[in-house]
Amino acid sequence: MTLTASSEVPAASRSQTLRPPLTLSSTHHHQYFRRKNDFPSRVNSHSLIGRSKYAPIRSWIIARQREVFERYEEVGGRVDQIKVTQEPVEAARNIRIKDVKACHAWKASTLQLWKLTARDDLKNGDNLQTYTVAKSVTDSTEGPRGWTAHTDREDIARKNVIHAIDAYSAALEPALKGIIIPKPHICTKVLPPRASRATRNSYEALFSDGGLLSINARCNADGHVIFGGSNPGQQAFSD
């Protein structure tokens, strides 16, 4: 978990219930990096600007995706940049995953967030910590600092504390318990052989039990691929 403190954002009301932030996925920064697609090339980060391809494995998932697609179009969403392949044989050839039933593809970006931000953060004198557990955040009544974050390393007092922990928000804000359910996504780094036809896109394969398999290439790094997926026992755990 990363705890980020900021003194530039106007302080929120103390009586206001903390709300989970609107965040960008750690692997897919779709339209954001389409608008700023030159930024990763100027920063020493592991990134890929290419196509993101979604591959449903079961027929009922196709029906659900089609419904979402149509509803998105009805409310004015842009669909002209999304390439839809409904023929299974062509979809399998396009996405290079066996037994897929269709394929949705659009321009997107994936990147390593830590390497994207660390250089500038350190240059600004920010204190970056990893593997630091934030146990609680309390209202501070002493001094100009409004909040105190209690961690297993030290207590940190700041005017503003940004909750950017997504699935585990309820650990710090009990009011969020049951609203956000953690679902681990376990990934492995693989370095393909140099002579292979390594993927140059990102992929997400959707399974009938709600599981997800993702594949993310890092073409501008050492050519490694990050792949992984949902915990096979996640559905039983959630139930």
Protein backbone atom coordinates (compact mmCIF):
# COMPACT_ATOMS: atom_id res chain seq x y z
CA MET A 1 0.00 0.00 0.00
CA THR A 2 1.20 3.50 -0.79
CA LEU A 3 0.30 6.40 1.46
CA THR A 4 0.52 9.78 -0.25
CA ALA A 5 0.41 13.10 1.58
CA SER A 6 -0.25 16.43 -0.07
CA SER A 7 -0.41 20.02 1.13
CA GLU A 8 -1.68 21.46 -2.14
CA VAL A 9 -5.23 20.09 -2.12
CA PRO A 10 -7.85 22.11 -0.16
CA ALA A 11 -8.58 20.43 3.16
CA ALA A 12 -11.80 18.43 3.30
CA SER A 13 -14.41 18.97 5.99
CA ARG A 14 -13.69 16.93 9.12
CA SER A 15 -17.33 15.85 9.34
CA GLN A 16 -17.38 14.58 5.79
CA THR A 17 -17.20 10.82 5.36
CA LEU A 18 -14.13 9.74 3.42
CA ARG A 19 -14.97 8.52 -0.05
CA PRO A 20 -12.94 6.11 -2.19
CA PRO A 21 -11.02 8.04 -4.87
CA LEU A 22 -11.63 7.80 -8.59
CA THR A 23 -8.44 6.11 -9.72
CA LEU A 24 -6.85 4.97 -12.96
CA SER A 25 -6.07 1.29 -13.23
CA SER A 26 -2.47 0.39 -12.59
CA THR A 27 -2.25 -1.40 -15.91
CA HIS A 28 -4.67 0.38 -18.24
CA HIS A 29 -4.62 4.18 -18.49
CA HIS A 30 -6.83 4.26 -21.58
CA GLN A 31 -7.89 7.72 -22.73
CA TYR A 32 -5.68 9.54 -20.20
CA PHE A 33 -2.51 8.44 -21.95
CA ARG A 34 -4.05 8.78 -25.37
CA ARG A 35 -4.15 12.52 -24.61
CA LYS A 36 -0.64 12.47 -23.12
CA ASN A 37 0.82 9.67 -25.23
CA ASP A 38 4.22 11.32 -25.49
CA PHE A 39 4.71 11.45 -21.73
CA PRO A 40 5.93 7.85 -21.12
CA SER A 41 8.51 8.31 -23.89
CA ARG A 42 10.00 11.26 -21.97
CA VAL A 43 10.13 9.40 -18.65
CA ASN A 44 12.28 6.42 -17.74
CA SER A 45 9.38 4.03 -17.10
CA HIS A 46 8.44 0.59 -18.37
CA SER A 47 5.51 1.26 -20.65
CA LEU A 48 3.66 0.19 -23.78
CA ILE A 49 1.50 2.28 -26.08
CA GLY A 50 -0.43 -0.09 -28.29
CA ARG A 51 -3.75 -1.90 -28.26
CA SER A 52 -5.59 -3.37 -25.31
CA LYS A 53 -7.53 -6.49 -26.30
CA TYR A 54 -10.36 -8.03 -24.30
CA ALA A 55 -11.12 -11.69 -25.00
CA PRO A 56 -14.29 -13.38 -23.66
CA ILE A 57 -13.91 -17.16 -23.27
CA ARG A 58 -17.62 -17.99 -22.83
CA SER A 59 -20.62 -17.07 -25.00
CA TRP A 60 -22.62 -15.45 -22.20
CA ILE A 61 -19.74 -13.05 -21.57
CA ILE A 62 -20.03 -11.92 -25.19
CA ALA A 63 -23.70 -11.09 -24.61
CA ARG A 64 -22.82 -9.07 -21.52
CA GLN A 65 -20.04 -7.21 -23.35
CA ARG A 66 -22.38 -6.46 -26.25
CA GLU A 67 -24.96 -5.02 -23.83
CA VAL A 68 -22.34 -2.81 -22.16
CA PHE A 69 -21.04 -1.71 -25.57
CA GLU A 70 -24.54 -0.75 -26.76
CA ARG A 71 -25.43 1.08 -23.55
CA TYR A 72 -22.14 2.97 -23.68
CA GLU A 73 -22.89 4.03 -27.26
CA GLU A 74 -26.45 5.08 -26.35
CA VAL A 75 -25.26 7.54 -23.70
CA GLY A 76 -22.83 9.17 -26.14
CA GLY A 77 -19.66 7.16 -25.55
CA ARG A 78 -17.10 7.04 -28.36
CA VAL A 79 -17.04 3.60 -29.97
CA ASP A 80 -15.42 4.43 -33.31
CA GLN A 81 -11.96 3.67 -31.93
CA ILE A 82 -13.02 0.21 -30.65
CA LYS A 83 -12.47 -2.65 -33.09
CA VAL A 84 -14.96 -5.50 -32.52
CA THR A 85 -14.34 -9.00 -33.90
CA GLN A 86 -17.29 -11.36 -33.39
CA GLU A 87 -16.06 -14.31 -35.51
CA PRO A 88 -14.25 -16.76 -33.15
CA VAL A 89 -11.64 -18.03 -35.63
CA GLU A 90 -10.64 -14.53 -36.67
CA ALA A 91 -10.66 -13.39 -33.02
CA ALA A 92 -8.34 -16.25 -32.00
CA ARG A 93 -5.95 -15.41 -34.87
CA ASN A 94 -6.02 -11.73 -33.92
CA ILE A 95 -5.54 -12.11 -30.18
CA ARG A 96 -3.46 -15.34 -30.24
CA ILE A 97 -5.44 -16.93 -27.39
CA LYS A 98 -7.07 -20.31 -28.01
CA ASP A 99 -10.85 -20.76 -27.68
CA VAL A 100 -11.75 -17.07 -27.48
CA LYS A 101 -15.25 -16.23 -28.72
CA ALA A 102 -14.71 -12.60 -29.74
CA CYS A 103 -12.32 -9.68 -29.35
CA HIS A 104 -12.67 -6.02 -28.42
CA ALA A 105 -9.58 -3.90 -29.09
CA TRP A 106 -8.76 -0.23 -28.62
CA LYS A 107 -5.71 2.00 -28.30
CA ALA A 108 -4.44 2.16 -24.73
CA SER A 109 -1.32 2.28 -22.62
CA THR A 110 0.18 0.21 -19.83
CA LEU A 111 3.03 1.28 -17.60
CA GLN A 112 4.96 0.76 -14.38
CA LEU A 113 3.57 3.48 -12.12
CA TRP A 114 6.43 3.45 -9.63
CA LYS A 115 9.08 4.13 -12.27
CA LEU A 116 6.86 6.77 -13.87
CA THR A 117 6.62 8.91 -10.74
CA ALA A 118 9.58 8.06 -8.49
CA ARG A 119 12.21 10.19 -10.21
CA ASP A 120 10.29 13.47 -10.02
CA ASP A 121 8.94 12.70 -6.54
CA LEU A 122 12.43 12.12 -5.17
CA LYS A 123 13.71 15.26 -6.92
CA ASN A 124 10.98 17.23 -5.12
CA GLY A 125 12.17 15.88 -1.79
CA ASP A 126 9.15 13.63 -1.22
CA ASN A 127 9.49 10.76 1.25
CA LEU A 128 8.54 7.62 -0.68
CA GLN A 129 8.06 4.38 1.23
CA THR A 130 7.10 0.89 0.16
CA TYR A 131 6.16 -2.08 2.35
CA THR A 132 4.96 0.40 4.98
CA VAL A 133 1.66 -0.59 6.57
CA ALA A 134 -0.66 2.31 7.41
CA LYS A 135 -2.64 1.10 10.42
CA SER A 136 -4.95 4.07 10.94
CA VAL A 137 -5.52 7.75 10.18
CA THR A 138 -6.72 9.95 13.04
CA ASP A 139 -7.83 13.55 13.47
CA SER A 140 -4.91 15.55 14.87
CA THR A 141 -5.75 18.28 17.37
CA GLU A 142 -2.21 19.57 17.85
CA GLY A 143 -0.40 21.98 15.55
CA PRO A 144 -1.26 23.02 11.97
CA ARG A 145 -1.30 19.44 10.68
CA GLY A 146 -4.85 18.15 10.43
CA TRP A 147 -4.32 14.40 10.22
CA THR A 148 -1.92 11.83 11.61
CA ALA A 149 -1.23 8.61 9.71
CA HIS A 150 -0.03 5.85 12.01
CA THR A 151 2.30 3.38 10.26
CA ASP A 152 4.53 0.53 11.40
CA ARG A 153 7.57 2.80 10.81
CA GLU A 154 6.47 6.14 12.24
CA ASP A 155 3.58 8.56 12.65
CA ILE A 156 3.19 11.08 9.82
CA ALA A 157 1.31 14.37 10.39
CA ARG A 158 -0.04 16.21 7.34
CA LYS A 159 -2.71 18.76 6.41
CA ASN A 160 -4.15 16.32 3.87
CA VAL A 161 -3.98 12.54 3.48
CA ILE A 162 -5.00 10.90 0.22
CA HIS A 163 -6.44 7.40 0.50
CA ALA A 164 -5.09 5.64 -2.61
CA ILE A 165 -5.31 2.05 -1.45
CA ASP A 166 -8.35 0.91 -3.45
CA ALA A 167 -9.43 -2.56 -2.35
CA TYR A 168 -8.18 -2.27 1.23
CA SER A 169 -9.69 1.16 1.99
CA ALA A 170 -11.91 -0.33 4.72
CA ALA A 171 -8.80 -1.12 6.77
CA LEU A 172 -8.45 2.63 7.38
CA GLU A 173 -12.04 3.78 6.92
CA PRO A 174 -14.54 1.28 8.48
CA ALA A 175 -17.46 3.01 6.71
CA LEU A 176 -16.23 1.45 3.45
CA LYS A 177 -16.42 -2.13 4.75
CA GLY A 178 -18.32 -4.37 2.33
CA ILE A 179 -18.43 -1.71 -0.39
CA ILE A 180 -15.09 -2.62 -1.99
CA ILE A 181 -14.18 -6.34 -2.04
CA PRO A 182 -10.48 -7.20 -2.50
CA LYS A 183 -9.72 -9.59 -5.36
CA PRO A 184 -6.01 -10.42 -5.62
CA HIS A 185 -4.46 -10.47 -9.08
CA ILE A 186 -1.24 -12.49 -8.94
CA CYS A 187 1.29 -11.71 -11.68
CA THR A 188 4.59 -13.20 -12.87
CA LYS A 189 7.40 -11.63 -14.88
CA VAL A 190 8.54 -13.61 -17.92
CA LEU A 191 11.32 -12.80 -20.39
CA PRO A 192 10.44 -14.35 -23.79
CA PRO A 193 13.22 -15.74 -26.05
CA ARG A 194 14.62 -13.04 -28.31
CA ALA A 195 13.72 -14.88 -31.51
CA SER A 196 10.09 -15.43 -30.49
CA ARG A 197 7.05 -13.53 -31.75
CA ALA A 198 6.55 -11.84 -28.38
CA THR A 199 3.32 -9.95 -27.88
CA ARG A 200 3.30 -6.20 -28.37
CA ASN A 201 -0.17 -5.57 -26.96
CA SER A 202 -1.94 -5.92 -23.63
CA TYR A 203 -4.67 -8.51 -23.16
CA GLU A 204 -7.43 -9.39 -20.74
CA ALA A 205 -9.15 -12.77 -20.98
CA LEU A 206 -12.54 -12.98 -19.23
CA PHE A 207 -13.72 -16.32 -17.81
CA SER A 208 -17.20 -17.58 -16.97
CA ASP A 209 -16.65 -17.58 -13.20
CA GLY A 210 -15.75 -13.90 -13.21
CA GLY A 211 -12.02 -14.62 -13.33
CA LEU A 212 -9.58 -12.52 -15.30
CA LEU A 213 -6.23 -13.27 -16.95
CA SER A 214 -4.10 -10.30 -18.00
CA ILE A 215 -0.98 -10.08 -20.18
CA ASN A 216 1.02 -6.85 -20.28
CA ALA A 217 4.16 -6.35 -22.38
CA ARG A 218 6.96 -3.95 -21.47
CA CYS A 219 8.45 -3.40 -24.91
CA ASN A 220 10.60 -0.38 -24.04
CA ALA A 221 12.28 -2.15 -21.10
CA ASP A 222 14.01 -5.52 -21.41
CA GLY A 223 11.11 -7.00 -23.39
CA HIS A 224 9.61 -8.81 -20.42
CA VAL A 225 5.93 -9.71 -20.16
CA ILE A 226 3.85 -9.46 -16.99
CA PHE A 227 1.08 -12.04 -16.91
CA GLY A 228 -1.21 -13.41 -14.25
CA GLY A 229 -4.77 -13.62 -13.13
CA SER A 230 -7.41 -14.02 -10.51
CA ASN A 231 -7.04 -16.41 -7.61
CA PRO A 232 -8.65 -19.71 -8.80
CA GLY A 233 -10.40 -19.96 -5.42
CA GLN A 234 -11.59 -16.34 -5.37
CA GLN A 235 -15.25 -17.13 -6.07
CA ALA A 236 -15.45 -19.61 -3.20
CA PHE A 237 -13.67 -17.10 -0.93
CA SER A 238 -16.09 -14.31 -1.91
CA ASP A 239 -19.11 -16.56 -1.31
